[in-house]
């Protein structure tokens, strides 16, 4: 069971580290990461295994609030099932 994490904002040092730290603390295993810098904007998509989370999925989503505020980024987390359903034709 996976989740997709999307992060967008002005580039600054430590965004990936902060997001990864939250994943580690909640026992979400990072499977794949794609990131780029576009004209000073940081953009990242991360796929994480949430099968063994130490909390409910809603709590996992809420645990990124401090990162959003500290790094001034938008973070969206979506369960893989919902992500896949949204993109079916």
Protein backbone atom coordinates (compact mmCIF):
# COMPACT_ATOMS: atom_id res chain seq x y z
CA UNK A 1 0.00 0.00 0.00
CA UNK A 2 1.56 3.28 -1.13
CA UNK A 3 1.01 7.01 -0.94
CA UNK A 4 2.12 9.81 -3.25
CA UNK A 5 3.66 12.93 -1.68
CA UNK A 6 3.98 16.07 -3.82
CA UNK A 7 6.02 19.04 -2.61
CA UNK A 8 6.26 22.43 -4.36
CA UNK A 9 7.75 25.73 -3.21
CA UNK A 10 10.67 28.13 -3.38
CA UNK A 11 13.90 26.17 -3.28
CA UNK A 12 15.77 26.10 0.03
CA UNK A 13 18.21 23.82 1.77
CA UNK A 14 16.71 20.84 3.58
CA UNK A 15 13.26 20.36 2.04
CA UNK A 16 13.94 16.75 1.06
CA UNK A 17 15.58 16.10 4.44
CA UNK A 18 12.58 17.44 6.38
CA UNK A 19 10.04 15.43 4.35
CA UNK A 20 12.19 12.30 4.64
CA UNK A 21 12.50 12.81 8.41
CA UNK A 22 8.72 12.84 8.84
CA UNK A 23 8.47 9.66 6.76
CA UNK A 24 11.14 7.98 8.87
CA UNK A 25 9.48 8.95 12.17
CA UNK A 26 6.12 7.57 10.99
CA UNK A 27 7.71 4.42 9.49
CA UNK A 28 6.81 5.24 5.88
CA UNK A 29 9.41 3.64 3.62
CA UNK A 30 10.50 5.84 0.71
CA UNK A 31 10.31 3.80 -2.50
CA UNK A 32 10.99 6.39 -5.17
CA UNK A 33 11.78 10.10 -5.39
CA UNK A 34 11.83 12.49 -8.33
CA UNK A 35 12.84 16.09 -7.73
CA UNK A 36 13.89 19.06 -9.77
CA UNK A 37 14.52 22.77 -9.49
CA UNK A 38 12.57 24.87 -12.00
CA UNK A 39 13.50 28.55 -12.06
CA UNK A 40 14.24 28.57 -8.28
CA UNK A 41 11.18 26.46 -7.47
CA UNK A 42 11.57 23.06 -5.84
CA UNK A 43 9.28 20.30 -7.15
CA UNK A 44 9.26 16.75 -5.81
CA UNK A 45 7.12 13.66 -6.09
CA UNK A 46 7.77 10.87 -3.64
CA UNK A 47 6.20 7.42 -3.47
CA UNK A 48 6.20 5.89 0.01
CA UNK A 49 5.13 2.51 1.34
CA UNK A 50 2.59 3.17 4.12
CA UNK A 51 1.80 -0.45 4.96
CA UNK A 52 3.63 -0.27 8.30
CA UNK A 53 2.78 3.27 9.40
CA UNK A 54 3.00 3.89 13.14
CA UNK A 55 -0.17 5.99 12.96
CA UNK A 56 -3.41 6.43 11.05
CA UNK A 57 -3.09 7.79 7.50
CA UNK A 58 -4.82 11.05 8.45
CA UNK A 59 -2.29 11.59 11.25
CA UNK A 60 0.52 10.90 8.75
CA UNK A 61 -0.87 13.66 6.51
CA UNK A 62 -1.15 16.07 9.46
CA UNK A 63 2.44 15.36 10.52
CA UNK A 64 3.74 17.43 7.59
CA UNK A 65 2.18 20.70 8.85
CA UNK A 66 5.39 21.85 10.56
CA UNK A 67 7.44 21.19 7.42
CA UNK A 68 4.95 23.20 5.35
CA UNK A 69 5.28 26.18 7.68
CA UNK A 70 9.02 25.94 8.31
CA UNK A 71 10.03 25.49 4.65
CA UNK A 72 7.14 27.54 3.18
CA UNK A 73 6.10 24.78 0.76
CA UNK A 74 2.89 23.11 -0.32
CA UNK A 75 2.72 19.40 0.50
CA UNK A 76 -0.05 17.15 -0.76
CA UNK A 77 -0.32 13.52 0.29
CA UNK A 78 -2.68 11.16 -1.49
CA UNK A 79 -3.32 7.47 -0.96
CA UNK A 80 -2.24 5.53 -4.05
CA UNK A 81 -5.74 4.09 -4.54
CA UNK A 82 -7.27 7.57 -4.78
CA UNK A 83 -4.43 8.79 -7.00
CA UNK A 84 -4.93 5.87 -9.39
CA UNK A 85 -8.73 6.27 -9.43
CA UNK A 86 -8.41 9.97 -10.31
CA UNK A 87 -6.22 9.20 -13.29
CA UNK A 88 -8.23 6.40 -14.87
CA UNK A 89 -10.08 7.15 -18.06
